[in-house]
Amino acid sequence: VYSSLTTSQALVPVAFEDVAVYFSAEEWAELAGWQQELYREVMKENYELISSLGKERFPPPCSTHWK
């Protein structure tokens, strides 16, 4: 299935912040271990996909939850 968007309409700059999800310390503490691990995996994959779209590599955003 093809979109009705033209190429110029479909090319929109995307930043990591557009797809990032952040939790407060309180919210993070409420997540189960498997949810924290899933978050880390998804955020890492999002970062890798977004950074692959550009010519330059971006440093990963500072987040205590990534560690």
PDB file of N, CA and C in Angstrom:
ATOM      1  N   VAL A   1       0.854  -1.175   0.000  1.00  0.00           N
ATOM      2  CA  VAL A   1       0.000   0.000   0.000  1.00  0.00           C
ATOM      3  C   VAL A   1       0.896   1.233   0.000  1.00  0.00           C
ATOM      4  N   TYR A   2       0.649   2.128  -0.902  1.00  0.00           N
ATOM      5  CA  TYR A   2       1.424   3.361  -0.991  1.00  0.00           C
ATOM      6  C   TYR A   2       0.654   4.512  -0.380  1.00  0.00           C
ATOM      7  N   SER A   3       1.380   5.378   0.273  1.00  0.00           N
ATOM      8  CA  SER A   3       0.780   6.563   0.872  1.00  0.00           C
ATOM      9  C   SER A   3       0.499   7.582  -0.213  1.00  0.00           C
ATOM     10  N   SER A   4      -0.484   8.417   0.024  1.00  0.00           N
ATOM     11  CA  SER A   4      -0.788   9.482  -0.926  1.00  0.00           C
ATOM     12  C   SER A   4       0.129  10.683  -0.739  1.00  0.00           C
ATOM     13  N   LEU A   5       1.021  10.628   0.261  1.00  0.00           N
ATOM     14  CA  LEU A   5       1.958  11.722   0.483  1.00  0.00           C
ATOM     15  C   LEU A   5       3.031  11.738  -0.594  1.00  0.00           C
ATOM     16  N   THR A   6       3.437  12.908  -0.998  1.00  0.00           N
ATOM     17  CA  THR A   6       4.558  13.011  -1.920  1.00  0.00           C
ATOM     18  C   THR A   6       5.842  12.826  -1.126  1.00  0.00           C
ATOM     19  N   THR A   7       6.941  12.631  -1.824  1.00  0.00           N
ATOM     20  CA  THR A   7       8.230  12.439  -1.161  1.00  0.00           C
ATOM     21  C   THR A   7       8.570  13.627  -0.274  1.00  0.00           C
ATOM     22  N   SER A   8       8.343  14.831  -0.743  1.00  0.00           N
ATOM     23  CA  SER A   8       8.685  16.005   0.063  1.00  0.00           C
ATOM     24  C   SER A   8       7.812  16.095   1.307  1.00  0.00           C
ATOM     25  N   GLN A   9       6.602  15.618   1.251  1.00  0.00           N
ATOM     26  CA  GLN A   9       5.731  15.633   2.416  1.00  0.00           C
ATOM     27  C   GLN A   9       6.122  14.545   3.413  1.00  0.00           C
ATOM     28  N   ALA A  10       6.612  13.439   2.917  1.00  0.00           N
ATOM     29  CA  ALA A  10       6.925  12.303   3.770  1.00  0.00           C
ATOM     30  C   ALA A  10       8.252  12.478   4.505  1.00  0.00           C
ATOM     31  N   LEU A  11       9.145  13.304   3.998  1.00  0.00           N
ATOM     32  CA  LEU A  11      10.441  13.495   4.629  1.00  0.00           C
ATOM     33  C   LEU A  11      10.353  14.594   5.685  1.00  0.00           C
ATOM     34  N   VAL A  12      10.246  14.158   6.903  1.00  0.00           N
ATOM     35  CA  VAL A  12      10.131  15.085   8.029  1.00  0.00           C
ATOM     36  C   VAL A  12      11.288  14.816   8.971  1.00  0.00           C
ATOM     37  N   PRO A  13      12.017  15.852   9.360  1.00  0.00           N
ATOM     38  CA  PRO A  13      13.115  15.621  10.300  1.00  0.00           C
ATOM     39  C   PRO A  13      12.593  14.998  11.589  1.00  0.00           C
ATOM     40  N   VAL A  14      13.318  14.003  12.070  1.00  0.00           N
ATOM     41  CA  VAL A  14      12.940  13.318  13.302  1.00  0.00           C
ATOM     42  C   VAL A  14      14.115  13.397  14.263  1.00  0.00           C
ATOM     43  N   ALA A  15      13.825  13.793  15.465  1.00  0.00           N
ATOM     44  CA  ALA A  15      14.839  13.842  16.514  1.00  0.00           C
ATOM     45  C   ALA A  15      14.526  12.760  17.535  1.00  0.00           C
ATOM     46  N   PHE A  16      15.544  12.353  18.253  1.00  0.00           N
ATOM     47  CA  PHE A  16      15.339  11.339  19.283  1.00  0.00           C
ATOM     48  C   PHE A  16      14.268  11.790  20.271  1.00  0.00           C
ATOM     49  N   GLU A  17      14.262  13.072  20.595  1.00  0.00           N
ATOM     50  CA  GLU A  17      13.276  13.592  21.552  1.00  0.00           C
ATOM     51  C   GLU A  17      11.843  13.412  21.057  1.00  0.00           C
ATOM     52  N   ASP A  18      11.653  13.268  19.743  1.00  0.00           N
ATOM     53  CA  ASP A  18      10.311  13.063  19.194  1.00  0.00           C
ATOM     54  C   ASP A  18       9.755  11.689  19.555  1.00  0.00           C
ATOM     55  N   VAL A  19      10.618  10.736  19.820  1.00  0.00           N
ATOM     56  CA  VAL A  19      10.162   9.367  20.102  1.00  0.00           C
ATOM     57  C   VAL A  19      10.542   8.903  21.503  1.00  0.00           C
ATOM     58  N   ALA A  20      11.205   9.756  22.265  1.00  0.00           N
ATOM     59  CA  ALA A  20      11.657   9.377  23.600  1.00  0.00           C
ATOM     60  C   ALA A  20      10.512   9.455  24.610  1.00  0.00           C
ATOM     61  N   VAL A  21      10.584   8.577  25.575  1.00  0.00           N
ATOM     62  CA  VAL A  21       9.644   8.567  26.689  1.00  0.00           C
ATOM     63  C   VAL A  21      10.474   8.600  27.960  1.00  0.00           C
ATOM     64  N   TYR A  22      10.128   9.497  28.853  1.00  0.00           N
ATOM     65  CA  TYR A  22      10.878   9.619  30.102  1.00  0.00           C
ATOM     66  C   TYR A  22       9.960   9.395  31.290  1.00  0.00           C
ATOM     67  N   PHE A  23      10.527   8.837  32.348  1.00  0.00           N
ATOM     68  CA  PHE A  23       9.797   8.597  33.582  1.00  0.00           C
ATOM     69  C   PHE A  23      10.431   9.408  34.703  1.00  0.00           C
ATOM     70  N   SER A  24       9.612   9.876  35.618  1.00  0.00           N
ATOM     71  CA  SER A  24      10.142  10.506  36.821  1.00  0.00           C
ATOM     72  C   SER A  24      10.733   9.389  37.698  1.00  0.00           C
ATOM     73  N   ALA A  25      11.498   9.770  38.708  1.00  0.00           N
ATOM     74  CA  ALA A  25      12.078   8.777  39.618  1.00  0.00           C
ATOM     75  C   ALA A  25      10.974   7.973  40.296  1.00  0.00           C
ATOM     76  N   GLU A  26       9.888   8.621  40.636  1.00  0.00           N
ATOM     77  CA  GLU A  26       8.770   7.932  41.282  1.00  0.00           C
ATOM     78  C   GLU A  26       8.103   6.939  40.338  1.00  0.00           C
ATOM     79  N   GLU A  27       7.891   7.362  39.084  1.00  0.00           N
ATOM     80  CA  GLU A  27       7.289   6.470  38.092  1.00  0.00           C
ATOM     81  C   GLU A  27       8.200   5.279  37.824  1.00  0.00           C
ATOM     82  N   TRP A  28       9.503   5.540  37.700  1.00  0.00           N
ATOM     83  CA  TRP A  28      10.477   4.483  37.429  1.00  0.00           C
ATOM     84  C   TRP A  28      10.457   3.432  38.543  1.00  0.00           C
ATOM     85  N   ALA A  29      10.361   3.890  39.775  1.00  0.00           N
ATOM     86  CA  ALA A  29      10.355   2.984  40.928  1.00  0.00           C
ATOM     87  C   ALA A  29       9.123   2.082  40.918  1.00  0.00           C
ATOM     88  N   GLU A  30       8.052   2.529  40.299  1.00  0.00           N
ATOM     89  CA  GLU A  30       6.812   1.743  40.245  1.00  0.00           C
ATOM     90  C   GLU A  30       6.848   0.666  39.161  1.00  0.00           C
ATOM     91  N   LEU A  31       7.771   0.764  38.217  1.00  0.00           N
ATOM     92  CA  LEU A  31       7.843  -0.220  37.135  1.00  0.00           C
ATOM     93  C   LEU A  31       8.457  -1.521  37.636  1.00  0.00           C
ATOM     94  N   ALA A  32       7.941  -2.630  37.126  1.00  0.00           N
ATOM     95  CA  ALA A  32       8.530  -3.933  37.426  1.00  0.00           C
ATOM     96  C   ALA A  32       9.861  -4.041  36.693  1.00  0.00           C
ATOM     97  N   GLY A  33      10.718  -4.938  37.142  1.00  0.00           N
ATOM     98  CA  GLY A  33      12.028  -5.124  36.514  1.00  0.00           C
ATOM     99  C   GLY A  33      11.938  -5.396  35.025  1.00  0.00           C
ATOM    100  N   TRP A  34      10.987  -6.237  34.619  1.00  0.00           N
ATOM    101  CA  TRP A  34      10.865  -6.555  33.193  1.00  0.00           C
ATOM    102  C   TRP A  34      10.424  -5.331  32.400  1.00  0.00           C
ATOM    103  N   GLN A  35       9.635  -4.428  33.010  1.00  0.00           N
ATOM    104  CA  GLN A  35       9.211  -3.212  32.328  1.00  0.00           C
ATOM    105  C   GLN A  35      10.385  -2.248  32.162  1.00  0.00           C
ATOM    106  N   GLN A  36      11.247  -2.172  33.176  1.00  0.00           N
ATOM    107  CA  GLN A  36      12.435  -1.330  33.075  1.00  0.00           C
ATOM    108  C   GLN A  36      13.361  -1.849  31.981  1.00  0.00           C
ATOM    109  N   GLU A  37      13.528  -3.157  31.914  1.00  0.00           N
ATOM    110  CA  GLU A  37      14.391  -3.744  30.885  1.00  0.00           C
ATOM    111  C   GLU A  37      13.802  -3.521  29.489  1.00  0.00           C
ATOM    112  N   LEU A  38      12.493  -3.676  29.348  1.00  0.00           N
ATOM    113  CA  LEU A  38      11.830  -3.424  28.071  1.00  0.00           C
ATOM    114  C   LEU A  38      12.025  -1.967  27.654  1.00  0.00           C
ATOM    115  N   TYR A  39      11.879  -1.054  28.595  1.00  0.00           N
ATOM    116  CA  TYR A  39      12.100   0.363  28.330  1.00  0.00           C
ATOM    117  C   TYR A  39      13.508   0.589  27.796  1.00  0.00           C
ATOM    118  N   ARG A  40      14.501   0.021  28.472  1.00  0.00           N
ATOM    119  CA  ARG A  40      15.899   0.193  28.037  1.00  0.00           C
ATOM    120  C   ARG A  40      16.094  -0.324  26.613  1.00  0.00           C
ATOM    121  N   GLU A  41      15.547  -1.497  26.323  1.00  0.00           N
ATOM    122  CA  GLU A  41      15.697  -2.098  24.991  1.00  0.00           C
ATOM    123  C   GLU A  41      15.027  -1.238  23.919  1.00  0.00           C
ATOM    124  N   VAL A  42      13.816  -0.782  24.188  1.00  0.00           N
ATOM    125  CA  VAL A  42      13.082   0.017  23.200  1.00  0.00           C
ATOM    126  C   VAL A  42      13.755   1.368  22.983  1.00  0.00           C
ATOM    127  N   MET A  43      14.173   2.007  24.066  1.00  0.00           N
ATOM    128  CA  MET A  43      14.835   3.305  23.922  1.00  0.00           C
ATOM    129  C   MET A  43      16.158   3.174  23.170  1.00  0.00           C
ATOM    130  N   LYS A  44      16.902   2.118  23.449  1.00  0.00           N
ATOM    131  CA  LYS A  44      18.165   1.904  22.740  1.00  0.00           C
ATOM    132  C   LYS A  44      17.896   1.674  21.255  1.00  0.00           C
ATOM    133  N   GLU A  45      16.891   0.868  20.937  1.00  0.00           N
ATOM    134  CA  GLU A  45      16.554   0.617  19.537  1.00  0.00           C
ATOM    135  C   GLU A  45      16.097   1.900  18.852  1.00  0.00           C
ATOM    136  N   ASN A  46      15.265   2.688  19.525  1.00  0.00           N
ATOM    137  CA  ASN A  46      14.825   3.975  18.958  1.00  0.00           C
ATOM    138  C   ASN A  46      16.014   4.881  18.686  1.00  0.00           C
ATOM    139  N   TYR A  47      16.926   4.956  19.641  1.00  0.00           N
ATOM    140  CA  TYR A  47      18.120   5.792  19.470  1.00  0.00           C
ATOM    141  C   TYR A  47      18.930   5.335  18.255  1.00  0.00           C
ATOM    142  N   GLU A  48      19.146   4.032  18.152  1.00  0.00           N
ATOM    143  CA  GLU A  48      19.934   3.507  17.034  1.00  0.00           C
ATOM    144  C   GLU A  48      19.255   3.783  15.694  1.00  0.00           C
ATOM    145  N   LEU A  49      17.935   3.630  15.647  1.00  0.00           N
ATOM    146  CA  LEU A  49      17.215   3.881  14.398  1.00  0.00           C
ATOM    147  C   LEU A  49      17.250   5.359  14.017  1.00  0.00           C
ATOM    148  N   ILE A  50      17.002   6.227  14.974  1.00  0.00           N
ATOM    149  CA  ILE A  50      17.018   7.667  14.694  1.00  0.00           C
ATOM    150  C   ILE A  50      18.416   8.125  14.299  1.00  0.00           C
ATOM    151  N   SER A  51      19.430   7.667  15.026  1.00  0.00           N
ATOM    152  CA  SER A  51      20.784   8.116  14.705  1.00  0.00           C
ATOM    153  C   SER A  51      21.254   7.570  13.362  1.00  0.00           C
ATOM    154  N   SER A  52      20.691   6.449  12.915  1.00  0.00           N
ATOM    155  CA  SER A  52      21.082   5.898  11.611  1.00  0.00           C
ATOM    156  C   SER A  52      20.529   6.721  10.457  1.00  0.00           C
ATOM    157  N   LEU A  53      19.564   7.573  10.721  1.00  0.00           N
ATOM    158  CA  LEU A  53      18.974   8.395   9.677  1.00  0.00           C
ATOM    159  C   LEU A  53      19.852   9.581   9.288  1.00  0.00           C
ATOM    160  N   GLY A  54      20.742   9.970  10.179  1.00  0.00           N
ATOM    161  CA  GLY A  54      21.596  11.127   9.918  1.00  0.00           C
ATOM    162  C   GLY A  54      23.008  10.704   9.595  1.00  0.00           C
ATOM    163  N   LYS A  55      23.787  11.669   9.155  1.00  0.00           N
ATOM    164  CA  LYS A  55      25.178  11.397   8.820  1.00  0.00           C
ATOM    165  C   LYS A  55      26.071  11.416  10.041  1.00  0.00           C
ATOM    166  N   GLU A  56      25.641  12.122  11.069  1.00  0.00           N
ATOM    167  CA  GLU A  56      26.453  12.242  12.273  1.00  0.00           C
ATOM    168  C   GLU A  56      25.861  11.381  13.380  1.00  0.00           C
ATOM    169  N   ARG A  57      26.728  10.882  14.212  1.00  0.00           N
ATOM    170  CA  ARG A  57      26.275  10.118  15.374  1.00  0.00           C
ATOM    171  C   ARG A  57      25.987  11.087  16.507  1.00  0.00           C
ATOM    172  N   PHE A  58      24.961  10.822  17.234  1.00  0.00           N
ATOM    173  CA  PHE A  58      24.569  11.663  18.348  1.00  0.00           C
ATOM    174  C   PHE A  58      24.951  10.969  19.652  1.00  0.00           C
ATOM    175  N   PRO A  59      25.389  11.719  20.636  1.00  0.00           N
ATOM    176  CA  PRO A  59      25.598  11.080  21.935  1.00  0.00           C
ATOM    177  C   PRO A  59      24.235  10.719  22.511  1.00  0.00           C
ATOM    178  N   PRO A  60      24.123   9.587  23.183  1.00  0.00           N
ATOM    179  CA  PRO A  60      22.821   9.241  23.746  1.00  0.00           C
ATOM    180  C   PRO A  60      22.406  10.267  24.800  1.00  0.00           C
ATOM    181  N   PRO A  61      21.120  10.508  24.891  1.00  0.00           N
ATOM    182  CA  PRO A  61      20.662  11.469  25.892  1.00  0.00           C
ATOM    183  C   PRO A  61      20.999  10.985  27.303  1.00  0.00           C
ATOM    184  N   CYS A  62      21.186  11.910  28.208  1.00  0.00           N
ATOM    185  CA  CYS A  62      21.463  11.550  29.596  1.00  0.00           C
ATOM    186  C   CYS A  62      20.186  11.036  30.231  1.00  0.00           C
ATOM    187  N   SER A  63      20.225   9.852  30.701  1.00  0.00           N
ATOM    188  CA  SER A  63      19.090   9.282  31.411  1.00  0.00           C
ATOM    189  C   SER A  63      19.613   8.251  32.380  1.00  0.00           C
ATOM    190  N   THR A  64      19.251   8.400  33.618  1.00  0.00           N
ATOM    191  CA  THR A  64      19.684   7.410  34.620  1.00  0.00           C
ATOM    192  C   THR A  64      19.027   6.071  34.369  1.00  0.00           C
ATOM    193  N   HIS A  65      17.935   6.056  33.626  1.00  0.00           N
ATOM    194  CA  HIS A  65      17.232   4.802  33.372  1.00  0.00           C
ATOM    195  C   HIS A  65      17.924   3.934  32.316  1.00  0.00           C
ATOM    196  N   TRP A  66      18.813   4.533  31.526  1.00  0.00           N
ATOM    197  CA  TRP A  66      19.503   3.759  30.484  1.00  0.00           C
ATOM    198  C   TRP A  66      20.595   2.903  31.069  1.00  0.00           C
ATOM    199  N   LYS A  67      21.022   3.191  32.271  1.00  0.00           N
ATOM    200  CA  LYS A  67      22.182   2.522  32.838  1.00  0.00           C
ATOM    201  C   LYS A  67      21.800   1.280  33.599  1.00  0.00           C
TER     202      LYS A  67
END
